[in-house]
Amino acid sequence: WTISVLFSQYTLVDAEARGKDQASALLRLRRTACMPLERRRQAMRLLLRDWHPDKHQGKPLEEQEHANEVFCYIQGLRSAVLGGTEQTAGQA
């Protein structure tokens, strides 16, 4: 299976229903689908860093919750983006 086939389960309509930031993250990651694994991994890291809950501490609770939702959504895309080659934290 190619990355693009795996990505087909993550539709833009579904992402938009979750929110504009989730849709933006999905589009950014889809642009990496044909790139080498290291480029896809780098794009994933950048998005996860931007939305990491620790980065949003001290902000209003609503913003913290939103950041956590987007972070979790991006984490859910990990296997599709990286082709199942990455282990999640705690599985190493």
Protein backbone atom coordinates (compact mmCIF):
# COMPACT_ATOMS: atom_id res chain seq x y z
CA TRP A 1 0.00 0.00 0.00
CA THR A 2 1.21 3.42 -0.77
CA ILE A 3 1.06 6.33 1.61
CA SER A 4 -1.62 7.98 -0.51
CA VAL A 5 -3.89 4.93 -0.19
CA LEU A 6 -3.44 4.97 3.59
CA PHE A 7 -4.18 8.68 3.59
CA SER A 8 -7.49 8.17 1.78
CA GLN A 9 -9.19 7.25 5.07
CA TYR A 10 -8.45 10.76 6.36
CA THR A 11 -10.71 12.98 4.31
CA LEU A 12 -10.58 16.73 4.31
CA VAL A 13 -14.31 16.88 5.04
CA ASP A 14 -13.80 14.87 8.23
CA ALA A 15 -10.84 17.03 9.23
CA GLU A 16 -12.79 20.23 8.58
CA ALA A 17 -15.62 18.89 10.74
CA ARG A 18 -13.11 18.64 13.59
CA GLY A 19 -11.83 22.17 13.00
CA LYS A 20 -9.79 24.40 10.71
CA ASP A 21 -6.52 23.58 12.47
CA GLN A 22 -7.02 19.84 12.00
CA ALA A 23 -7.81 20.42 8.31
CA SER A 24 -4.69 22.57 7.96
CA ALA A 25 -2.56 19.88 9.60
CA LEU A 26 -3.98 17.20 7.32
CA LEU A 27 -3.26 19.30 4.22
CA ARG A 28 0.31 19.99 5.37
CA LEU A 29 0.93 16.30 5.93
CA ARG A 30 -0.72 15.25 2.67
CA ARG A 31 1.74 17.44 0.79
CA THR A 32 4.51 15.21 2.15
CA ALA A 33 2.92 11.93 0.99
CA CYS A 34 5.29 11.45 -1.96
CA MET A 35 8.35 12.69 -0.12
CA PRO A 36 11.03 10.50 1.45
CA LEU A 37 10.35 9.15 4.93
CA GLU A 38 12.72 11.62 6.61
CA ARG A 39 10.85 14.61 5.14
CA ARG A 40 7.52 13.16 6.28
CA ARG A 41 8.98 12.52 9.73
CA GLN A 42 10.25 16.11 9.90
CA ALA A 43 6.85 17.53 8.93
CA MET A 44 5.19 15.37 11.59
CA ARG A 45 7.66 16.54 14.25
CA LEU A 46 7.12 20.19 13.40
CA LEU A 47 3.35 19.93 13.63
CA LEU A 48 3.50 17.96 16.87
CA ARG A 49 5.89 20.51 18.34
CA ASP A 50 3.62 23.41 17.33
CA TRP A 51 0.56 21.81 18.91
CA HIS A 52 2.18 20.09 21.92
CA PRO A 53 0.09 20.76 25.05
CA ASP A 54 3.19 21.87 27.01
CA LYS A 55 3.70 24.70 24.55
CA HIS A 56 0.23 26.02 25.36
CA GLN A 57 0.46 25.95 29.15
CA GLY A 58 -0.40 29.26 30.74
CA LYS A 59 -2.86 30.11 27.98
CA PRO A 60 -6.63 30.20 28.55
CA LEU A 61 -8.11 26.76 29.24
CA GLU A 62 -10.06 26.82 25.97
CA GLU A 63 -6.82 27.29 23.98
CA GLN A 64 -5.10 24.52 25.95
CA GLU A 65 -7.96 22.12 25.23
CA HIS A 66 -7.95 23.06 21.54
CA ALA A 67 -4.19 22.50 21.30
CA ASN A 68 -4.61 19.09 22.91
CA GLU A 69 -7.38 18.15 20.45
CA VAL A 70 -5.26 19.14 17.46
CA PHE A 71 -2.20 17.37 18.91
CA CYS A 72 -4.18 14.15 19.39
CA TYR A 73 -5.58 14.41 15.85
CA ILE A 74 -2.06 14.76 14.43
CA GLN A 75 -0.87 11.82 16.55
CA GLY A 76 -3.68 9.79 14.99
CA LEU A 77 -2.28 10.50 11.53
CA ARG A 78 1.19 9.17 12.45
CA SER A 79 0.87 5.68 10.97
CA ALA A 80 -0.67 6.98 7.74
CA VAL A 81 2.01 9.64 7.29
CA LEU A 82 4.97 7.48 8.26
CA GLY A 83 3.70 4.24 6.80
CA GLY A 84 3.62 2.40 10.11
CA THR A 85 7.40 2.70 10.51
CA GLU A 86 7.25 4.72 13.72
CA GLN A 87 6.53 3.45 17.18
CA THR A 88 4.54 5.66 19.46
CA ALA A 89 6.06 6.84 22.70
CA GLY A 90 6.16 4.11 25.29
CA GLN A 91 6.27 1.27 22.75
CA ALA A 92 10.03 1.36 22.24
